[in-house]
């Protein structure tokens, strides 16, 4: 028993040793694009941390885990309408926090915009 403890301790100490290799050349710097991706992920994590816990849960379940509205509602024990509302609110807050404003869509590309414009014109008459 004593031998096993000693051997285990020696093995652990060997693993903790750091091998130092001295070279004349410095290693190359990391890729700037890779560091930019890390910065983006860090920014996203911080923005998610700012959301309310329930809203954050919905955003993570829907957009990170890929669950449907019904699956997220069953997981959280609420209605699908509540999941939809919280997801929209969470994405809006994330856009504001990250500075990503949605781009305007040309009416020719989006039939929903055309339809809403038609309905607005009918009500005005």
Protein backbone atom coordinates (compact mmCIF):
# COMPACT_ATOMS: atom_id res chain seq x y z
CA UNK A 1 0.00 0.00 0.00
CA UNK A 2 2.79 2.38 0.90
CA UNK A 3 4.60 1.68 -2.37
CA UNK A 4 1.44 2.44 -4.40
CA UNK A 5 1.00 5.79 -2.64
CA UNK A 6 4.63 6.74 -3.19
CA UNK A 7 4.56 5.71 -6.87
CA UNK A 8 1.34 7.64 -7.40
CA UNK A 9 2.87 10.75 -5.82
CA UNK A 10 6.04 10.45 -7.92
CA UNK A 11 3.97 10.05 -11.11
CA UNK A 12 1.92 13.11 -10.23
CA UNK A 13 5.07 15.14 -9.60
CA UNK A 14 6.55 14.03 -12.94
CA UNK A 15 3.41 15.19 -14.77
CA UNK A 16 3.66 18.60 -13.07
CA UNK A 17 7.20 19.23 -14.31
CA UNK A 18 7.51 21.74 -17.07
CA UNK A 19 10.05 21.10 -19.74
CA UNK A 20 11.78 24.30 -20.77
CA UNK A 21 13.21 24.45 -24.25
CA UNK A 22 15.38 27.42 -25.08
CA UNK A 23 15.48 28.47 -28.72
CA UNK A 24 17.01 31.40 -30.57
CA UNK A 25 13.81 32.09 -32.53
CA UNK A 26 10.60 33.28 -30.95
CA UNK A 27 7.41 31.41 -31.84
CA UNK A 28 5.14 33.05 -34.40
CA UNK A 29 2.25 35.17 -33.20
CA UNK A 30 -1.30 33.89 -33.30
CA UNK A 31 -3.62 34.56 -36.20
CA UNK A 32 -5.46 37.88 -35.80
CA UNK A 33 -8.66 36.40 -37.26
CA UNK A 34 -8.67 33.69 -34.61
CA UNK A 35 -8.32 36.25 -31.84
CA UNK A 36 -11.16 38.25 -33.40
CA UNK A 37 -13.40 35.17 -33.22
CA UNK A 38 -12.52 34.72 -29.54
CA UNK A 39 -13.34 38.38 -28.92
CA UNK A 40 -16.71 37.94 -30.65
CA UNK A 41 -17.56 34.89 -28.55
CA UNK A 42 -16.55 36.70 -25.39
CA UNK A 43 -18.70 39.69 -26.35
CA UNK A 44 -21.65 37.39 -27.04
CA UNK A 45 -21.23 35.61 -23.68
CA UNK A 46 -21.18 38.94 -21.87
CA UNK A 47 -24.29 40.12 -23.73
CA UNK A 48 -26.08 36.85 -22.87
CA UNK A 49 -25.14 37.31 -19.22
CA UNK A 50 -26.95 40.67 -19.27
CA UNK A 51 -30.27 39.03 -20.23
CA UNK A 52 -32.84 38.01 -17.64
CA UNK A 53 -32.42 34.32 -16.68
CA UNK A 54 -35.66 33.17 -18.32
CA UNK A 55 -34.97 35.14 -21.51
CA UNK A 56 -31.42 33.81 -21.63
CA UNK A 57 -32.72 30.26 -21.23
CA UNK A 58 -35.13 30.69 -24.14
CA UNK A 59 -32.47 32.21 -26.42
CA UNK A 60 -30.01 29.42 -25.62
CA UNK A 61 -32.59 26.66 -26.05
CA UNK A 62 -33.96 28.04 -29.31
CA UNK A 63 -30.83 29.32 -31.06
CA UNK A 64 -27.92 27.47 -29.50
CA UNK A 65 -29.46 24.10 -28.73
CA UNK A 66 -31.73 24.24 -31.79
CA UNK A 67 -34.97 23.28 -30.05
CA UNK A 68 -38.34 24.11 -31.59
CA UNK A 69 -40.72 26.49 -29.83
CA UNK A 70 -42.78 23.55 -28.58
CA UNK A 71 -39.72 21.68 -27.24
CA UNK A 72 -38.44 24.81 -25.50
CA UNK A 73 -41.90 25.44 -24.02
CA UNK A 74 -42.07 21.86 -22.69
CA UNK A 75 -38.56 22.17 -21.24
CA UNK A 76 -39.35 25.44 -19.46
CA UNK A 77 -42.94 24.54 -18.55
CA UNK A 78 -44.58 27.50 -20.29
CA UNK A 79 -46.61 28.24 -23.43
CA UNK A 80 -45.19 28.48 -26.94
CA UNK A 81 -46.39 32.08 -27.12
CA UNK A 82 -44.31 32.91 -24.05
CA UNK A 83 -41.26 31.23 -25.62
CA UNK A 84 -41.78 33.21 -28.83
CA UNK A 85 -42.15 36.49 -26.90
CA UNK A 86 -39.05 35.87 -24.77
CA UNK A 87 -36.99 34.81 -27.80
CA UNK A 88 -37.92 37.97 -29.70
CA UNK A 89 -37.22 40.15 -26.67
CA UNK A 90 -33.89 38.42 -26.05
CA UNK A 91 -32.74 38.75 -29.66
CA UNK A 92 -33.72 42.42 -29.67
CA UNK A 93 -31.71 43.03 -26.48
CA UNK A 94 -28.73 41.14 -27.94
CA UNK A 95 -28.86 43.22 -31.11
CA UNK A 96 -28.84 46.40 -29.05
CA UNK A 97 -26.02 45.17 -26.82
CA UNK A 98 -23.88 44.03 -29.76
CA UNK A 99 -24.68 47.03 -31.92
CA UNK A 100 -26.18 44.93 -34.72
CA UNK A 101 -29.12 46.83 -36.12
CA UNK A 102 -31.17 44.85 -38.65
CA UNK A 103 -30.71 46.01 -42.22
CA UNK A 104 -33.69 47.50 -44.04
CA UNK A 105 -35.21 45.07 -46.49
CA UNK A 106 -36.28 46.30 -49.91
CA UNK A 107 -40.01 45.90 -50.44
CA UNK A 108 -39.47 43.98 -53.67
CA UNK A 109 -37.53 41.32 -51.78
CA UNK A 110 -39.98 40.92 -48.93
CA UNK A 111 -43.65 40.06 -49.58
CA UNK A 112 -44.50 40.66 -45.91
CA UNK A 113 -43.51 44.32 -46.22
CA UNK A 114 -45.64 44.64 -49.37
CA UNK A 115 -48.62 43.03 -47.64
CA UNK A 116 -48.35 45.26 -44.56
CA UNK A 117 -48.04 48.31 -46.80
CA UNK A 118 -51.22 47.27 -48.67
CA UNK A 119 -53.13 46.82 -45.41
CA UNK A 120 -51.99 50.23 -44.16
CA UNK A 121 -53.13 51.88 -47.39
CA UNK A 122 -56.56 50.20 -47.16
CA UNK A 123 -57.07 51.43 -43.60
CA UNK A 124 -56.16 54.97 -44.63
CA UNK A 125 -58.93 55.04 -47.26
